[in-house]
Amino acid sequence: MSIRNNVEALQNELKAQDVTLIAVSKTKSNEEILEAYEAGQRIFGENMVQELVAKQEALPKDIEWHLIGHLQSNKVKYIAPLLL
């Protein structure tokens, strides 16, 4: 099953339950994320600050990013500009 089919099926199933799908993009390429984006997915989660920053710069600006997991204090300086 393609990424598009997976995203569309999950969104349809979860919409009826009033649940928001956050697609975890950890280890996924920009091309794979764009495929999900083109299927309507707009909320993604990353667990590594450096990957989140790089993907945020390269991908559409209307993506809502979430940092999942723990944030090390030495990484705050990289993520803070994205939140302002």
PDB file of N, CA and C in Angstrom:
ATOM      1  N   MET A   1       0.850  -1.172   0.000  1.00  0.00           N
ATOM      2  CA  MET A   1       0.000   0.000   0.000  1.00  0.00           C
ATOM      3  C   MET A   1       0.896   1.235   0.000  1.00  0.00           C
ATOM      4  N   SER A   2       0.539   2.234  -0.786  1.00  0.00           N
ATOM      5  CA  SER A   2       1.357   3.442  -0.893  1.00  0.00           C
ATOM      6  C   SER A   2       1.163   4.349   0.319  1.00  0.00           C
ATOM      7  N   ILE A   3       2.082   5.284   0.461  1.00  0.00           N
ATOM      8  CA  ILE A   3       1.978   6.267   1.542  1.00  0.00           C
ATOM      9  C   ILE A   3       0.667   7.021   1.412  1.00  0.00           C
ATOM     10  N   ARG A   4       0.338   7.436   0.188  1.00  0.00           N
ATOM     11  CA  ARG A   4      -0.903   8.181  -0.053  1.00  0.00           C
ATOM     12  C   ARG A   4      -2.118   7.373   0.417  1.00  0.00           C
ATOM     13  N   ASN A   5      -2.179   6.118   0.029  1.00  0.00           N
ATOM     14  CA  ASN A   5      -3.314   5.283   0.426  1.00  0.00           C
ATOM     15  C   ASN A   5      -3.385   5.117   1.937  1.00  0.00           C
ATOM     16  N   ASN A   6      -2.234   4.924   2.580  1.00  0.00           N
ATOM     17  CA  ASN A   6      -2.197   4.788   4.044  1.00  0.00           C
ATOM     18  C   ASN A   6      -2.703   6.052   4.723  1.00  0.00           C
ATOM     19  N   VAL A   7      -2.216   7.204   4.280  1.00  0.00           N
ATOM     20  CA  VAL A   7      -2.609   8.483   4.888  1.00  0.00           C
ATOM     21  C   VAL A   7      -4.098   8.713   4.706  1.00  0.00           C
ATOM     22  N   GLU A   8      -4.586   8.532   3.495  1.00  0.00           N
ATOM     23  CA  GLU A   8      -6.005   8.771   3.228  1.00  0.00           C
ATOM     24  C   GLU A   8      -6.894   7.834   4.043  1.00  0.00           C
ATOM     25  N   ALA A   9      -6.522   6.558   4.125  1.00  0.00           N
ATOM     26  CA  ALA A   9      -7.318   5.596   4.894  1.00  0.00           C
ATOM     27  C   ALA A   9      -7.330   5.950   6.377  1.00  0.00           C
ATOM     28  N   LEU A  10      -6.164   6.304   6.921  1.00  0.00           N
ATOM     29  CA  LEU A  10      -6.092   6.662   8.346  1.00  0.00           C
ATOM     30  C   LEU A  10      -6.856   7.944   8.640  1.00  0.00           C
ATOM     31  N   GLN A  11      -6.726   8.942   7.772  1.00  0.00           N
ATOM     32  CA  GLN A  11      -7.435  10.197   8.000  1.00  0.00           C
ATOM     33  C   GLN A  11      -8.942   9.984   7.987  1.00  0.00           C
ATOM     34  N   ASN A  12      -9.433   9.185   7.047  1.00  0.00           N
ATOM     35  CA  ASN A  12     -10.865   8.912   6.984  1.00  0.00           C
ATOM     36  C   ASN A  12     -11.341   8.174   8.234  1.00  0.00           C
ATOM     37  N   GLU A  13     -10.569   7.206   8.682  1.00  0.00           N
ATOM     38  CA  GLU A  13     -10.937   6.440   9.868  1.00  0.00           C
ATOM     39  C   GLU A  13     -10.920   7.304  11.124  1.00  0.00           C
ATOM     40  N   LEU A  14      -9.903   8.146  11.260  1.00  0.00           N
ATOM     41  CA  LEU A  14      -9.753   8.939  12.477  1.00  0.00           C
ATOM     42  C   LEU A  14     -10.668  10.147  12.520  1.00  0.00           C
ATOM     43  N   LYS A  15     -11.051  10.671  11.358  1.00  0.00           N
ATOM     44  CA  LYS A  15     -11.926  11.841  11.306  1.00  0.00           C
ATOM     45  C   LYS A  15     -13.241  11.551  12.024  1.00  0.00           C
ATOM     46  N   ALA A  16     -13.775  10.366  11.827  1.00  0.00           N
ATOM     47  CA  ALA A  16     -15.031   9.994  12.467  1.00  0.00           C
ATOM     48  C   ALA A  16     -14.891   9.913  13.985  1.00  0.00           C
ATOM     49  N   GLN A  17     -13.678   9.739  14.475  1.00  0.00           N
ATOM     50  CA  GLN A  17     -13.431   9.621  15.912  1.00  0.00           C
ATOM     51  C   GLN A  17     -12.900  10.912  16.514  1.00  0.00           C
ATOM     52  N   ASP A  18     -12.815  11.970  15.703  1.00  0.00           N
ATOM     53  CA  ASP A  18     -12.297  13.263  16.147  1.00  0.00           C
ATOM     54  C   ASP A  18     -10.885  13.133  16.724  1.00  0.00           C
ATOM     55  N   VAL A  19     -10.030  12.415  15.997  1.00  0.00           N
ATOM     56  CA  VAL A  19      -8.640  12.194  16.384  1.00  0.00           C
ATOM     57  C   VAL A  19      -7.748  12.813  15.320  1.00  0.00           C
ATOM     58  N   THR A  20      -6.653  13.438  15.728  1.00  0.00           N
ATOM     59  CA  THR A  20      -5.704  14.051  14.802  1.00  0.00           C
ATOM     60  C   THR A  20      -4.535  13.107  14.576  1.00  0.00           C
ATOM     61  N   LEU A  21      -4.208  12.905  13.316  1.00  0.00           N
ATOM     62  CA  LEU A  21      -3.087  12.038  12.952  1.00  0.00           C
ATOM     63  C   LEU A  21      -1.800  12.854  12.899  1.00  0.00           C
ATOM     64  N   ILE A  22      -0.815  12.462  13.686  1.00  0.00           N
ATOM     65  CA  ILE A  22       0.518  13.052  13.611  1.00  0.00           C
ATOM     66  C   ILE A  22       1.415  11.992  12.991  1.00  0.00           C
ATOM     67  N   ALA A  23       1.889  12.266  11.796  1.00  0.00           N
ATOM     68  CA  ALA A  23       2.735  11.314  11.081  1.00  0.00           C
ATOM     69  C   ALA A  23       4.173  11.476  11.568  1.00  0.00           C
ATOM     70  N   VAL A  24       4.742  10.424  12.088  1.00  0.00           N
ATOM     71  CA  VAL A  24       6.122  10.465  12.562  1.00  0.00           C
ATOM     72  C   VAL A  24       7.035  10.322  11.352  1.00  0.00           C
ATOM     73  N   SER A  25       7.830  11.351  11.112  1.00  0.00           N
ATOM     74  CA  SER A  25       8.673  11.396   9.916  1.00  0.00           C
ATOM     75  C   SER A  25      10.120  11.018  10.192  1.00  0.00           C
ATOM     76  N   LYS A  26      10.365  10.478  11.365  1.00  0.00           N
ATOM     77  CA  LYS A  26      11.708  10.024  11.742  1.00  0.00           C
ATOM     78  C   LYS A  26      12.230   9.047  10.690  1.00  0.00           C
ATOM     79  N   THR A  27      13.403   9.280  10.209  1.00  0.00           N
ATOM     80  CA  THR A  27      14.123   8.470   9.212  1.00  0.00           C
ATOM     81  C   THR A  27      13.495   8.503   7.820  1.00  0.00           C
ATOM     82  N   LYS A  28      12.466   9.313   7.615  1.00  0.00           N
ATOM     83  CA  LYS A  28      11.823   9.386   6.294  1.00  0.00           C
ATOM     84  C   LYS A  28      12.470  10.498   5.475  1.00  0.00           C
ATOM     85  N   SER A  29      12.564  10.252   4.177  1.00  0.00           N
ATOM     86  CA  SER A  29      13.144  11.245   3.272  1.00  0.00           C
ATOM     87  C   SER A  29      12.138  12.372   3.020  1.00  0.00           C
ATOM     88  N   ASN A  30      12.638  13.487   2.517  1.00  0.00           N
ATOM     89  CA  ASN A  30      11.758  14.589   2.161  1.00  0.00           C
ATOM     90  C   ASN A  30      10.742  14.151   1.110  1.00  0.00           C
ATOM     91  N   GLU A  31      11.149  13.280   0.197  1.00  0.00           N
ATOM     92  CA  GLU A  31      10.245  12.801  -0.846  1.00  0.00           C
ATOM     93  C   GLU A  31       9.089  12.006  -0.238  1.00  0.00           C
ATOM     94  N   GLU A  32       9.390  11.178   0.746  1.00  0.00           N
ATOM     95  CA  GLU A  32       8.337  10.400   1.404  1.00  0.00           C
ATOM     96  C   GLU A  32       7.400  11.314   2.192  1.00  0.00           C
ATOM     97  N   ILE A  33       7.954  12.314   2.841  1.00  0.00           N
ATOM     98  CA  ILE A  33       7.130  13.268   3.584  1.00  0.00           C
ATOM     99  C   ILE A  33       6.252  14.049   2.617  1.00  0.00           C
ATOM    100  N   LEU A  34       6.798  14.445   1.479  1.00  0.00           N
ATOM    101  CA  LEU A  34       6.005  15.162   0.479  1.00  0.00           C
ATOM    102  C   LEU A  34       4.867  14.310  -0.061  1.00  0.00           C
ATOM    103  N   GLU A  35       5.083  13.023  -0.195  1.00  0.00           N
ATOM    104  CA  GLU A  35       4.010  12.138  -0.657  1.00  0.00           C
ATOM    105  C   GLU A  35       2.849  12.145   0.343  1.00  0.00           C
ATOM    106  N   ALA A  36       3.175  12.092   1.634  1.00  0.00           N
ATOM    107  CA  ALA A  36       2.139  12.168   2.657  1.00  0.00           C
ATOM    108  C   ALA A  36       1.492  13.549   2.654  1.00  0.00           C
ATOM    109  N   TYR A  37       2.287  14.585   2.473  1.00  0.00           N
ATOM    110  CA  TYR A  37       1.787  15.966   2.414  1.00  0.00           C
ATOM    111  C   TYR A  37       0.798  16.114   1.264  1.00  0.00           C
ATOM    112  N   GLU A  38       1.139  15.579   0.114  1.00  0.00           N
ATOM    113  CA  GLU A  38       0.269  15.682  -1.057  1.00  0.00           C
ATOM    114  C   GLU A  38      -1.029  14.897  -0.865  1.00  0.00           C
ATOM    115  N   ALA A  39      -1.025  13.938   0.043  1.00  0.00           N
ATOM    116  CA  ALA A  39      -2.238  13.187   0.367  1.00  0.00           C
ATOM    117  C   ALA A  39      -3.076  13.896   1.428  1.00  0.00           C
ATOM    118  N   GLY A  40      -2.598  15.051   1.893  1.00  0.00           N
ATOM    119  CA  GLY A  40      -3.361  15.848   2.849  1.00  0.00           C
ATOM    120  C   GLY A  40      -2.811  15.892   4.261  1.00  0.00           C
ATOM    121  N   GLN A  41      -1.741  15.174   4.539  1.00  0.00           N
ATOM    122  CA  GLN A  41      -1.154  15.179   5.880  1.00  0.00           C
ATOM    123  C   GLN A  41      -0.395  16.485   6.097  1.00  0.00           C
ATOM    124  N   ARG A  42      -0.693  17.179   7.185  1.00  0.00           N
ATOM    125  CA  ARG A  42      -0.038  18.457   7.466  1.00  0.00           C
ATOM    126  C   ARG A  42       0.656  18.496   8.826  1.00  0.00           C
ATOM    127  N   ILE A  43       0.543  17.440   9.605  1.00  0.00           N
ATOM    128  CA  ILE A  43       1.136  17.432  10.942  1.00  0.00           C
ATOM    129  C   ILE A  43       2.134  16.284  11.010  1.00  0.00           C
ATOM    130  N   PHE A  44       3.386  16.636  11.332  1.00  0.00           N
ATOM    131  CA  PHE A  44       4.462  15.651  11.376  1.00  0.00           C
ATOM    132  C   PHE A  44       5.215  15.775  12.692  1.00  0.00           C
ATOM    133  N   GLY A  45       5.791  14.671  13.139  1.00  0.00           N
ATOM    134  CA  GLY A  45       6.571  14.650  14.369  1.00  0.00           C
ATOM    135  C   GLY A  45       7.971  14.126  14.117  1.00  0.00           C
ATOM    136  N   GLU A  46       8.933  14.773  14.710  1.00  0.00           N
ATOM    137  CA  GLU A  46      10.346  14.370  14.643  1.00  0.00           C
ATOM    138  C   GLU A  46      10.868  14.210  16.058  1.00  0.00           C
ATOM    139  N   ASN A  47      11.867  13.357  16.227  1.00  0.00           N
ATOM    140  CA  ASN A  47      12.438  13.204  17.564  1.00  0.00           C
ATOM    141  C   ASN A  47      13.866  13.742  17.642  1.00  0.00           C
ATOM    142  N   MET A  48      14.410  14.178  16.527  1.00  0.00           N
ATOM    143  CA  MET A  48      15.764  14.755  16.534  1.00  0.00           C
ATOM    144  C   MET A  48      15.706  16.196  16.038  1.00  0.00           C
ATOM    145  N   VAL A  49      16.213  17.096  16.844  1.00  0.00           N
ATOM    146  CA  VAL A  49      16.139  18.521  16.528  1.00  0.00           C
ATOM    147  C   VAL A  49      16.790  18.830  15.190  1.00  0.00           C
ATOM    148  N   GLN A  50      17.967  18.269  14.932  1.00  0.00           N
ATOM    149  CA  GLN A  50      18.671  18.583  13.695  1.00  0.00           C
ATOM    150  C   GLN A  50      17.854  18.164  12.471  1.00  0.00           C
ATOM    151  N   GLU A  51      17.214  17.018  12.537  1.00  0.00           N
ATOM    152  CA  GLU A  51      16.389  16.572  11.411  1.00  0.00           C
ATOM    153  C   GLU A  51      15.159  17.455  11.257  1.00  0.00           C
ATOM    154  N   LEU A  52      14.544  17.847  12.363  1.00  0.00           N
ATOM    155  CA  LEU A  52      13.385  18.718  12.306  1.00  0.00           C
ATOM    156  C   LEU A  52      13.750  20.037  11.647  1.00  0.00           C
ATOM    157  N   VAL A  53      14.853  20.625  12.050  1.00  0.00           N
ATOM    158  CA  VAL A  53      15.291  21.911  11.493  1.00  0.00           C
ATOM    159  C   VAL A  53      15.545  21.790   9.990  1.00  0.00           C
ATOM    160  N   ALA A  54      16.262  20.762   9.578  1.00  0.00           N
ATOM    161  CA  ALA A  54      16.569  20.574   8.157  1.00  0.00           C
ATOM    162  C   ALA A  54      15.296  20.347   7.348  1.00  0.00           C
ATOM    163  N   LYS A  55      14.398  19.531   7.859  1.00  0.00           N
ATOM    164  CA  LYS A  55      13.163  19.254   7.130  1.00  0.00           C
ATOM    165  C   LYS A  55      12.259  20.475   7.099  1.00  0.00           C
ATOM    166  N   GLN A  56      12.196  21.217   8.189  1.00  0.00           N
ATOM    167  CA  GLN A  56      11.366  22.414   8.240  1.00  0.00           C
ATOM    168  C   GLN A  56      11.819  23.429   7.210  1.00  0.00           C
ATOM    169  N   GLU A  57      13.123  23.536   6.993  1.00  0.00           N
ATOM    170  CA  GLU A  57      13.655  24.490   6.019  1.00  0.00           C
ATOM    171  C   GLU A  57      13.371  24.050   4.586  1.00  0.00           C
ATOM    172  N   ALA A  58      13.345  22.748   4.324  1.00  0.00           N
ATOM    173  CA  ALA A  58      13.240  22.227   2.965  1.00  0.00           C
ATOM    174  C   ALA A  58      11.812  21.935   2.507  1.00  0.00           C
ATOM    175  N   LEU A  59      10.903  21.779   3.436  1.00  0.00           N
ATOM    176  CA  LEU A  59       9.548  21.331   3.098  1.00  0.00           C
ATOM    177  C   LEU A  59       8.548  22.490   3.198  1.00  0.00           C
ATOM    178  N   PRO A  60       7.319  22.289   2.722  1.00  0.00           N
ATOM    179  CA  PRO A  60       6.319  23.366   2.740  1.00  0.00           C
ATOM    180  C   PRO A  60       6.160  23.990   4.122  1.00  0.00           C
ATOM    181  N   LYS A  61       5.935  25.287   4.112  1.00  0.00           N
ATOM    182  CA  LYS A  61       5.908  26.055   5.361  1.00  0.00           C
ATOM    183  C   LYS A  61       4.622  25.883   6.156  1.00  0.00           C
ATOM    184  N   ASP A  62       3.580  25.285   5.555  1.00  0.00           N
ATOM    185  CA  ASP A  62       2.344  25.117   6.314  1.00  0.00           C
ATOM    186  C   ASP A  62       2.298  23.792   7.082  1.00  0.00           C
ATOM    187  N   ILE A  63       3.413  23.077   7.095  1.00  0.00           N
ATOM    188  CA  ILE A  63       3.488  21.866   7.904  1.00  0.00           C
ATOM    189  C   ILE A  63       3.589  22.261   9.375  1.00  0.00           C
ATOM    190  N   GLU A  64       2.807  21.598  10.204  1.00  0.00           N
ATOM    191  CA  GLU A  64       2.859  21.794  11.656  1.00  0.00           C
ATOM    192  C   GLU A  64       3.782  20.720  12.227  1.00  0.00           C
ATOM    193  N   TRP A  65       4.911  21.156  12.775  1.00  0.00           N
ATOM    194  CA  TRP A  65       5.911  20.218  13.295  1.00  0.00           C
ATOM    195  C   TRP A  65       5.749  20.035  14.792  1.00  0.00           C
ATOM    196  N   HIS A  66       5.968  18.818  15.237  1.00  0.00           N
ATOM    197  CA  HIS A  66       5.968  18.486  16.662  1.00  0.00           C
ATOM    198  C   HIS A  66       7.282  17.799  16.978  1.00  0.00           C
ATOM    199  N   LEU A  67       7.868  18.166  18.094  1.00  0.00           N
ATOM    200  CA  LEU A  67       9.052  17.473  18.594  1.00  0.00           C
ATOM    201  C   LEU A  67       8.556  16.422  19.560  1.00  0.00           C
ATOM    202  N   ILE A  68       8.866  15.173  19.261  1.00  0.00           N
ATOM    203  CA  ILE A  68       8.405  14.089  20.111  1.00  0.00           C
ATOM    204  C   ILE A  68       9.605  13.531  20.887  1.00  0.00           C
ATOM    205  N   GLY A  69       9.392  13.233  22.128  1.00  0.00           N
ATOM    206  CA  GLY A  69      10.475  12.738  22.960  1.00  0.00           C
ATOM    207  C   GLY A  69      11.075  13.850  23.793  1.00  0.00           C
ATOM    208  N   HIS A  70      12.236  13.594  24.308  1.00  0.00           N
ATOM    209  CA  HIS A  70      12.914  14.536  25.205  1.00  0.00           C
ATOM    210  C   HIS A  70      13.721  15.562  24.412  1.00  0.00           C
ATOM    211  N   LEU A  71      13.785  16.765  24.929  1.00  0.00           N
ATOM    212  CA  LEU A  71      14.581  17.832  24.334  1.00  0.00           C
ATOM    213  C   LEU A  71      15.759  18.123  25.257  1.00  0.00           C
ATOM    214  N   GLN A  72      16.967  17.899  24.751  1.00  0.00           N
ATOM    215  CA  GLN A  72      18.167  18.196  25.529  1.00  0.00           C
ATOM    216  C   GLN A  72      18.344  19.706  25.588  1.00  0.00           C
ATOM    217  N   SER A  73      18.772  20.205  26.718  1.00  0.00           N
ATOM    218  CA  SER A  73      18.893  21.653  26.894  1.00  0.00           C
ATOM    219  C   SER A  73      19.864  22.282  25.900  1.00  0.00           C
ATOM    220  N   ASN A  74      20.874  21.543  25.447  1.00  0.00           N
ATOM    221  CA  ASN A  74      21.823  22.110  24.496  1.00  0.00           C
ATOM    222  C   ASN A  74      21.240  22.194  23.083  1.00  0.00           C
ATOM    223  N   LYS A  75      20.040  21.654  22.847  1.00  0.00           N
ATOM    224  CA  LYS A  75      19.400  21.694  21.532  1.00  0.00           C
ATOM    225  C   LYS A  75      18.350  22.793  21.432  1.00  0.00           C
ATOM    226  N   VAL A  76      18.023  23.431  22.554  1.00  0.00           N
ATOM    227  CA  VAL A  76      16.974  24.451  22.572  1.00  0.00           C
ATOM    228  C   VAL A  76      17.298  25.575  21.602  1.00  0.00           C
ATOM    229  N   LYS A  77      18.554  25.970  21.502  1.00  0.00           N
ATOM    230  CA  LYS A  77      18.928  27.083  20.637  1.00  0.00           C
ATOM    231  C   LYS A  77      18.620  26.797  19.170  1.00  0.00           C
ATOM    232  N   TYR A  78      18.542  25.532  18.789  1.00  0.00           N
ATOM    233  CA  TYR A  78      18.234  25.186  17.402  1.00  0.00           C
ATOM    234  C   TYR A  78      16.738  25.202  17.125  1.00  0.00           C
ATOM    235  N   ILE A  79      15.953  24.877  18.104  1.00  0.00           N
ATOM    236  CA  ILE A  79      14.515  24.751  17.927  1.00  0.00           C
ATOM    237  C   ILE A  79      13.778  26.055  18.228  1.00  0.00           C
ATOM    238  N   ALA A  80      14.333  26.896  19.104  1.00  0.00           N
ATOM    239  CA  ALA A  80      13.659  28.128  19.511  1.00  0.00           C
ATOM    240  C   ALA A  80      13.279  29.029  18.331  1.00  0.00           C
ATOM    241  N   PRO A  81      14.132  29.249  17.331  1.00  0.00           N
ATOM    242  CA  PRO A  81      13.731  30.120  16.216  1.00  0.00           C
ATOM    243  C   PRO A  81      12.519  29.607  15.430  1.00  0.00           C
ATOM    244  N   LEU A  82      12.284  28.319  15.458  1.00  0.00           N
ATOM    245  CA  LEU A  82      11.144  27.755  14.740  1.00  0.00           C
ATOM    246  C   LEU A  82       9.837  28.040  15.453  1.00  0.00           C
ATOM    247  N   LEU A  83       9.919  28.346  16.723  1.00  0.00           N
ATOM    248  CA  LEU A  83       8.716  28.566  17.529  1.00  0.00           C
ATOM    249  C   LEU A  83       8.362  30.025  17.660  1.00  0.00           C
ATOM    250  N   LEU A  84       9.219  30.908  17.247  1.00  0.00           N
ATOM    251  CA  LEU A  84       8.978  32.348  17.387  1.00  0.00           C
ATOM    252  C   LEU A  84       8.258  32.922  16.200  1.00  0.00           C
TER     253      LEU A  84
END
